[in-house]
C-alpha cells in the first residue's frame, strides 16, 4: 500500500470515529434473521417454504429441497390418513411419517427432539435427520444462522462462475482515490469482478461470509461484514450514484471476535472524512441507497472485487 493511501486510511479512521462509541449487541437482531442452508459452502435456494426455528429452538428444514440437492429421491404416500415420506439415495433409505418424532434410517428407528411437520405443503424435518438420514456432516452456525451441510471449503470468487471484466468503465469513479486502483504490491488492476450478495460466502485474500445493514441503538447506519481475518481488517469503498468513491476503514472499536476464526466488522455509511477531505458538505445525507457498488480494498491481487449493492434505491 502506498504511503499516500495509508495516510488517507489513517485520517479517515480518525475522522470516522471521533466520539466515544459502544460496541453493538447483535444477539437480538440475529434471532430474527432468516436461516440459510449451505451445501458444500454454497447456498441452497428455497423457492417458497424457508427453513425456520420452531418454538423449542430446533432448526427445521424443508427436506425435499435439501434431499434433491444431495441427489436423493423423495416420495410421498398417504395411508390411513397419515402422510408417509421416503428418501433414498445410493447409500441410505429414510422413512418417516408427518406428525411423528421418529424415522426409520437404514432399518433403524431414530428418535428426534421435535416432530416432522407439514407446513406450506412442505415436509419439514429436524436438522439432525439430514445428517443421520443422508450421511452428511451438518453444522449449525449460530452467528449467521446458517446450516452447513457437507464441506465448508469456501470457493474463490473467480471459481463461482463470475467473469473478470475490464476496469475501464469503472475507472472514472476512482478519480478522487486513484490509489484504490493498485493492488497490495502496488501494481495497477486492469480487471474487476462483479458479484451479488447471493454469491456469498466467497474466498478472497480474506474470506467474506456476509454483508448486511446494521443500525446502532443511536440510529447510526453501518455495514456489518463477517469475515475471516487474522490481523487487520480490510477497508471497503463505495462507488456511488454520483460516480465517485468513498473509502471506509473498519472501525476497530466495534470489531467483534466471533470465536471461530471470523470477526464482525463495522463500516460507517456516511463519514466526516467526506466533508473534510473532499468537500462533500452534505455527507450526513449520504445513505446506503446512494451506493451502486460495495468494493473490497486489497482483497485480491488480480482484480477488484465489487458487490452490487442490493439495497440501492432507484
Protein backbone atom coordinates (compact mmCIF):
# COMPACT_ATOMS: atom_id res chain seq x y z
CA UNK A 1 0.00 0.00 0.00
CA UNK A 2 1.34 3.46 -0.89
CA UNK A 3 2.17 5.95 1.87
CA UNK A 4 -0.48 8.33 0.48
CA UNK A 5 -3.14 5.62 0.65
CA UNK A 6 -2.06 4.54 4.14
CA UNK A 7 -2.25 8.12 5.40
CA UNK A 8 -5.67 8.50 3.79
CA UNK A 9 -6.94 5.39 5.58
CA UNK A 10 -5.49 6.57 8.90
CA UNK A 11 -7.02 10.02 8.50
CA UNK A 12 -10.37 8.50 7.57
CA UNK A 13 -10.33 6.30 10.68
CA UNK A 14 -9.69 9.34 12.86
CA UNK A 15 -12.41 11.36 11.22
CA UNK A 16 -14.85 8.48 11.10
CA UNK A 17 -14.69 7.86 14.81
CA UNK A 18 -14.11 10.93 16.89
CA UNK A 19 -16.65 10.25 19.61
CA UNK A 20 -16.99 7.63 22.33
CA UNK A 21 -18.67 4.50 20.95
CA UNK A 22 -20.47 1.50 22.29
CA UNK A 23 -19.92 -1.99 20.89
CA UNK A 24 -23.25 -3.03 19.35
CA UNK A 25 -25.17 -6.03 20.60
CA UNK A 26 -26.07 -8.44 17.79
CA UNK A 27 -27.90 -11.22 19.65
CA UNK A 28 -31.38 -9.67 19.50
CA UNK A 29 -31.10 -8.80 15.82
CA UNK A 30 -29.62 -12.17 14.86
CA UNK A 31 -32.62 -14.09 16.22
CA UNK A 32 -34.84 -12.56 13.54
CA UNK A 33 -32.52 -13.27 10.61
CA UNK A 34 -33.68 -15.90 8.12
CA UNK A 35 -31.94 -19.26 8.22
CA UNK A 36 -29.76 -20.13 5.23
CA UNK A 37 -28.70 -23.65 4.23
CA UNK A 38 -25.32 -24.13 2.57
CA UNK A 39 -24.40 -27.32 0.73
CA UNK A 40 -20.64 -27.62 0.25
CA UNK A 41 -20.40 -23.89 1.14
CA UNK A 42 -22.95 -22.78 -1.49
CA UNK A 43 -26.40 -21.55 -0.50
CA UNK A 44 -29.40 -23.68 -1.43
CA UNK A 45 -32.20 -21.57 -2.90
CA UNK A 46 -35.66 -22.29 -1.49
CA UNK A 47 -38.39 -21.06 -3.85
CA UNK A 48 -41.15 -20.92 -1.25
CA UNK A 49 -41.06 -22.55 2.19
CA UNK A 50 -37.95 -21.49 4.11
CA UNK A 51 -36.04 -23.14 6.97
CA UNK A 52 -37.03 -21.91 10.43
CA UNK A 53 -36.52 -22.46 14.15
CA UNK A 54 -39.51 -23.94 15.94
CA UNK A 55 -40.82 -22.93 19.39
CA UNK A 56 -38.25 -25.23 21.01
CA UNK A 57 -35.39 -23.61 19.05
CA UNK A 58 -34.83 -26.65 16.83
CA UNK A 59 -33.82 -25.91 13.26
CA UNK A 60 -36.33 -27.30 10.75
CA UNK A 61 -35.51 -27.67 7.05
CA UNK A 62 -37.73 -28.50 4.04
CA UNK A 63 -36.49 -31.99 3.32
CA UNK A 64 -37.38 -32.15 -0.36
CA UNK A 65 -35.05 -29.34 -1.49
CA UNK A 66 -32.22 -30.47 0.76
CA UNK A 67 -32.57 -34.10 -0.33
CA UNK A 68 -32.75 -33.29 -4.04
CA UNK A 69 -29.70 -31.02 -3.73
CA UNK A 70 -27.90 -34.05 -2.29
CA UNK A 71 -29.03 -36.27 -5.16
CA UNK A 72 -31.66 -38.19 -3.21
CA UNK A 73 -35.18 -39.03 -4.38
CA UNK A 74 -38.20 -38.11 -2.26
CA UNK A 75 -41.54 -39.91 -2.32
CA UNK A 76 -44.90 -39.38 -0.58
CA UNK A 77 -47.73 -41.77 0.15
CA UNK A 78 -50.94 -41.13 2.09
CA UNK A 79 -52.21 -44.16 4.00
CA UNK A 80 -54.73 -44.31 6.81
CA UNK A 81 -54.99 -40.55 6.93
CA UNK A 82 -51.26 -40.16 7.51
CA UNK A 83 -48.60 -38.83 5.14
CA UNK A 84 -45.57 -41.11 4.81
CA UNK A 85 -42.38 -39.68 3.32
CA UNK A 86 -39.46 -41.70 1.94
CA UNK A 87 -35.98 -40.56 0.94
CA UNK A 88 -33.48 -42.70 -0.92
CA UNK A 89 -30.01 -42.23 -2.33
CA UNK A 90 -27.28 -44.71 -3.27
CA UNK A 91 -26.28 -45.31 0.34
CA UNK A 92 -29.25 -44.52 2.57
CA UNK A 93 -33.01 -45.00 2.91
CA UNK A 94 -35.21 -43.00 5.26
CA UNK A 95 -38.90 -43.49 6.02
CA UNK A 96 -40.89 -41.09 8.19
CA UNK A 97 -44.44 -40.06 8.97
CA UNK A 98 -45.65 -36.49 9.33
CA UNK A 99 -46.67 -35.75 12.91
CA UNK A 100 -44.23 -38.19 14.48
CA UNK A 101 -40.82 -37.59 16.02
CA UNK A 102 -39.31 -40.85 14.80
CA UNK A 103 -37.92 -42.04 11.47
CA UNK A 104 -36.53 -45.30 10.17
CA UNK A 105 -32.99 -44.76 8.91
CA UNK A 106 -31.45 -47.71 7.08
CA UNK A 107 -33.75 -50.04 9.04
CA UNK A 108 -33.05 -48.49 12.44
CA UNK A 109 -35.53 -46.34 14.38
CA UNK A 110 -34.25 -42.88 15.29
CA UNK A 111 -35.99 -40.52 17.69
CA UNK A 112 -35.77 -36.74 17.27
CA UNK A 113 -36.29 -33.80 19.58
CA UNK A 114 -39.25 -32.44 17.64
CA UNK A 115 -41.92 -33.73 15.27
CA UNK A 116 -41.81 -33.97 11.49
CA UNK A 117 -44.40 -31.46 10.29
CA UNK A 118 -46.25 -30.32 7.19
CA UNK A 119 -46.10 -26.56 6.62
CA UNK A 120 -46.91 -24.62 3.44
CA UNK A 121 -47.36 -28.01 1.72
CA UNK A 122 -43.73 -28.86 2.52
CA UNK A 123 -42.39 -31.54 4.83
CA UNK A 124 -40.07 -30.05 7.45
CA UNK A 125 -37.72 -32.26 9.44
CA UNK A 126 -35.27 -31.61 12.29
CA UNK A 127 -31.79 -30.77 11.07
CA UNK A 128 -30.26 -33.83 12.74
CA UNK A 129 -32.34 -36.09 10.50
CA UNK A 130 -30.42 -34.77 7.47
CA UNK A 131 -27.10 -35.84 8.96
CA UNK A 132 -28.30 -39.21 10.22
CA UNK A 133 -30.60 -39.98 7.32
CA UNK A 134 -28.43 -38.87 4.41
CA UNK A 135 -24.99 -39.45 5.89
CA UNK A 136 -23.94 -35.81 5.77
CA UNK A 137 -21.81 -33.69 8.05
CA UNK A 138 -24.14 -30.99 9.37
CA UNK A 139 -23.21 -27.99 11.49
CA UNK A 140 -25.34 -25.19 12.91
CA UNK A 141 -23.67 -21.76 12.67
CA UNK A 142 -25.49 -19.63 15.24
CA UNK A 143 -23.55 -16.47 14.32
CA UNK A 144 -25.01 -16.16 10.82
CA UNK A 145 -27.90 -18.60 11.41
CA UNK A 146 -26.54 -20.88 8.71
CA UNK A 147 -26.80 -24.63 8.30
CA UNK A 148 -23.55 -26.01 6.84
CA UNK A 149 -24.03 -29.36 5.09
CA UNK A 150 -21.03 -31.24 3.71
CA UNK A 151 -17.76 -29.46 3.04
CA UNK A 152 -17.03 -25.98 4.39
CA UNK A 153 -14.32 -25.02 1.90
CA UNK A 154 -15.43 -21.66 0.51
CA UNK A 155 -14.92 -21.18 -3.23
CA UNK A 156 -12.74 -18.39 -4.59
CA UNK A 157 -14.77 -15.66 -6.27
CA UNK A 158 -13.23 -16.45 -9.65
CA UNK A 159 -14.39 -20.08 -9.27
CA UNK A 160 -18.07 -19.19 -8.72
CA UNK A 161 -18.72 -18.54 -12.40
CA UNK A 162 -18.29 -14.77 -12.19
CA UNK A 163 -16.16 -13.40 -15.02
CA UNK A 164 -13.48 -10.74 -14.67
CA UNK A 165 -14.24 -7.73 -16.86
CA UNK A 166 -12.32 -4.62 -17.86
CA UNK A 167 -11.86 -1.96 -15.21
CA UNK A 168 -12.21 0.84 -17.77
CA UNK A 169 -15.97 1.55 -17.31
CA UNK A 170 -15.41 1.94 -13.56
CA UNK A 171 -12.09 3.81 -13.61
CA UNK A 172 -13.50 7.33 -13.71
CA UNK A 173 -15.28 6.86 -10.37
CA UNK A 174 -11.89 6.31 -8.69
CA UNK A 175 -10.72 9.81 -9.64
CA UNK A 176 -10.57 11.10 -6.07
CA UNK A 177 -8.76 7.98 -4.80
CA UNK A 178 -6.56 6.60 -7.60
CA UNK A 179 -4.61 4.57 -5.05
CA UNK A 180 -7.52 2.14 -4.91
CA UNK A 181 -6.62 1.11 -8.46
CA UNK A 182 -3.41 -0.57 -7.27
CA UNK A 183 -3.09 -3.99 -5.65
CA UNK A 184 -1.24 -4.92 -2.46
CA UNK A 185 2.16 -4.80 -4.19
CA UNK A 186 1.44 -1.51 -5.95
CA UNK A 187 0.63 -2.92 -9.40
CA UNK A 188 -2.38 -1.45 -11.24
CA UNK A 189 -5.52 -3.54 -11.55
CA UNK A 190 -6.96 -3.94 -15.04
CA UNK A 191 -9.95 -6.14 -14.11
CA UNK A 192 -12.94 -6.11 -11.79
CA UNK A 193 -15.22 -8.99 -10.82
CA UNK A 194 -18.82 -8.02 -10.15
CA UNK A 195 -20.77 -10.31 -7.82
CA UNK A 196 -24.03 -10.38 -5.85
CA UNK A 197 -24.91 -10.79 -2.20
CA UNK A 198 -26.30 -14.24 -3.01
CA UNK A 199 -22.81 -15.35 -4.10
CA UNK A 200 -21.53 -15.11 -0.52
CA UNK A 201 -19.64 -16.68 1.13
CA UNK A 202 -16.59 -16.21 -1.11
CA UNK A 203 -12.86 -16.63 -0.70
CA UNK A 204 -10.70 -13.58 -1.34
CA UNK A 205 -7.44 -12.76 0.42
CA UNK A 206 -9.79 -12.78 3.41
CA UNK A 207 -12.94 -14.90 3.37
CA UNK A 208 -16.14 -12.84 3.21
CA UNK A 209 -19.10 -14.61 4.81
CA UNK A 210 -21.82 -11.97 4.88
CA UNK A 211 -22.61 -8.30 4.36
CA UNK A 212 -25.68 -6.70 5.91
CA UNK A 213 -27.01 -3.30 7.03
CA UNK A 214 -26.91 -2.52 10.73
CA UNK A 215 -28.28 0.45 12.65
CA UNK A 216 -26.88 1.23 16.11
CA UNK A 217 -29.14 1.98 19.09
CA UNK A 218 -28.31 5.65 18.48
CA UNK A 219 -29.58 5.41 14.90
CA UNK A 220 -26.17 5.44 13.16
CA UNK A 221 -26.14 3.29 9.98
CA UNK A 222 -23.33 0.84 9.25
CA UNK A 223 -22.49 -2.07 7.02
CA UNK A 224 -21.71 -5.17 9.06
CA UNK A 225 -19.34 -7.67 7.46
CA UNK A 226 -18.48 -11.12 8.76
CA UNK A 227 -15.02 -12.04 7.53
CA UNK A 228 -12.19 -14.41 8.33
CA UNK A 229 -9.18 -12.25 9.10
CA UNK A 230 -6.17 -12.94 11.32
CA UNK A 231 -4.78 -9.44 11.57
CA UNK A 232 -6.05 -6.05 10.43
CA UNK A 233 -9.40 -5.84 8.70
CA UNK A 234 -9.55 -4.60 5.14
CA UNK A 235 -11.31 -1.43 4.07
CA UNK A 236 -14.46 -1.13 2.00
CA UNK A 237 -15.11 1.52 -0.59
CA UNK A 238 -18.39 2.68 -2.06
CA UNK A 239 -18.90 3.54 -5.72
CA UNK A 240 -21.79 5.96 -5.59
CA UNK A 241 -24.63 7.00 -7.88
CA UNK A 242 -22.72 10.26 -8.38
CA UNK A 243 -19.85 8.23 -9.88
CA UNK A 244 -17.39 8.99 -7.09
CA UNK A 245 -15.73 6.75 -4.49
CA UNK A 246 -15.78 6.80 -0.68
CA UNK A 247 -13.30 4.83 1.41
CA UNK A 248 -14.39 3.25 4.69
CA UNK A 249 -11.86 1.56 7.03
CA UNK A 250 -13.20 -0.94 9.55
CA UNK A 251 -13.88 0.56 12.98
CA UNK A 252 -11.52 -1.16 15.40
CA UNK A 253 -13.61 -0.03 18.38
CA UNK A 254 -16.58 -2.01 17.14
CA UNK A 255 -14.84 -5.13 15.80
CA UNK A 256 -16.12 -8.30 17.44
CA UNK A 257 -14.28 -11.62 17.55
CA UNK A 258 -16.79 -14.42 16.92
CA UNK A 259 -14.50 -17.05 18.44
CA UNK A 260 -14.48 -19.23 15.32
CA UNK A 261 -11.79 -17.51 13.26
CA UNK A 262 -14.23 -14.92 11.93
CA UNK A 263 -14.82 -11.34 13.05
CA UNK A 264 -17.74 -8.98 12.78
CA UNK A 265 -16.52 -5.75 11.18
CA UNK A 266 -18.40 -2.46 11.08
CA UNK A 267 -18.11 0.24 8.41
CA UNK A 268 -19.84 3.61 8.51
CA UNK A 269 -22.15 4.62 5.69
CA UNK A 270 -21.54 8.37 5.96
CA UNK A 271 -18.29 9.86 7.22
CA UNK A 272 -16.88 13.18 8.36
CA UNK A 273 -13.95 12.39 6.07
CA UNK A 274 -16.15 13.00 3.03
CA UNK A 275 -16.54 16.62 4.08
CA UNK A 276 -13.06 17.28 5.44
CA UNK A 277 -11.09 15.61 2.67
CA UNK A 278 -13.34 16.01 -0.36
CA UNK A 279 -15.66 18.89 0.44
CA UNK A 280 -18.88 16.87 0.47
CA UNK A 281 -20.72 19.16 2.89
CA UNK A 282 -23.91 17.11 2.60
CA UNK A 283 -22.11 13.99 3.85
CA UNK A 284 -24.78 13.30 6.51
CA UNK A 285 -27.44 12.86 3.83
CA UNK A 286 -25.38 10.10 2.17
CA UNK A 287 -27.35 6.86 2.53
CA UNK A 288 -26.91 3.17 1.83
CA UNK A 289 -29.35 3.61 -1.06
CA UNK A 290 -26.90 6.05 -2.73
CA UNK A 291 -24.27 3.32 -3.18
CA UNK A 292 -24.12 1.47 -6.52
CA UNK A 293 -21.32 -0.96 -5.66
CA UNK A 294 -19.52 -2.07 -2.50
CA UNK A 295 -15.85 -2.73 -3.17
CA UNK A 296 -13.33 -4.71 -1.11
CA UNK A 297 -9.98 -2.94 -0.98
CA UNK A 298 -6.81 -5.02 -1.39
CA UNK A 299 -8.86 -8.22 -1.20
CA UNK A 300 -7.37 -9.77 -4.36
CA UNK A 301 -4.05 -9.50 -6.16
CA UNK A 302 -5.53 -9.91 -9.63
CA UNK A 303 -8.79 -7.94 -9.71
CA UNK A 304 -11.00 -5.59 -7.69
CA UNK A 305 -13.97 -7.49 -6.18
CA UNK A 306 -17.12 -5.35 -6.32
CA UNK A 307 -20.52 -6.37 -4.98
CA UNK A 308 -23.72 -4.95 -6.44
CA UNK A 309 -25.49 -3.09 -3.64
CA UNK A 310 -28.80 -4.98 -3.14
CA UNK A 311 -30.19 -2.11 -1.02
CA UNK A 312 -29.63 0.68 -3.54
CA UNK A 313 -32.50 3.00 -4.39
CA UNK A 314 -33.98 3.56 -7.84
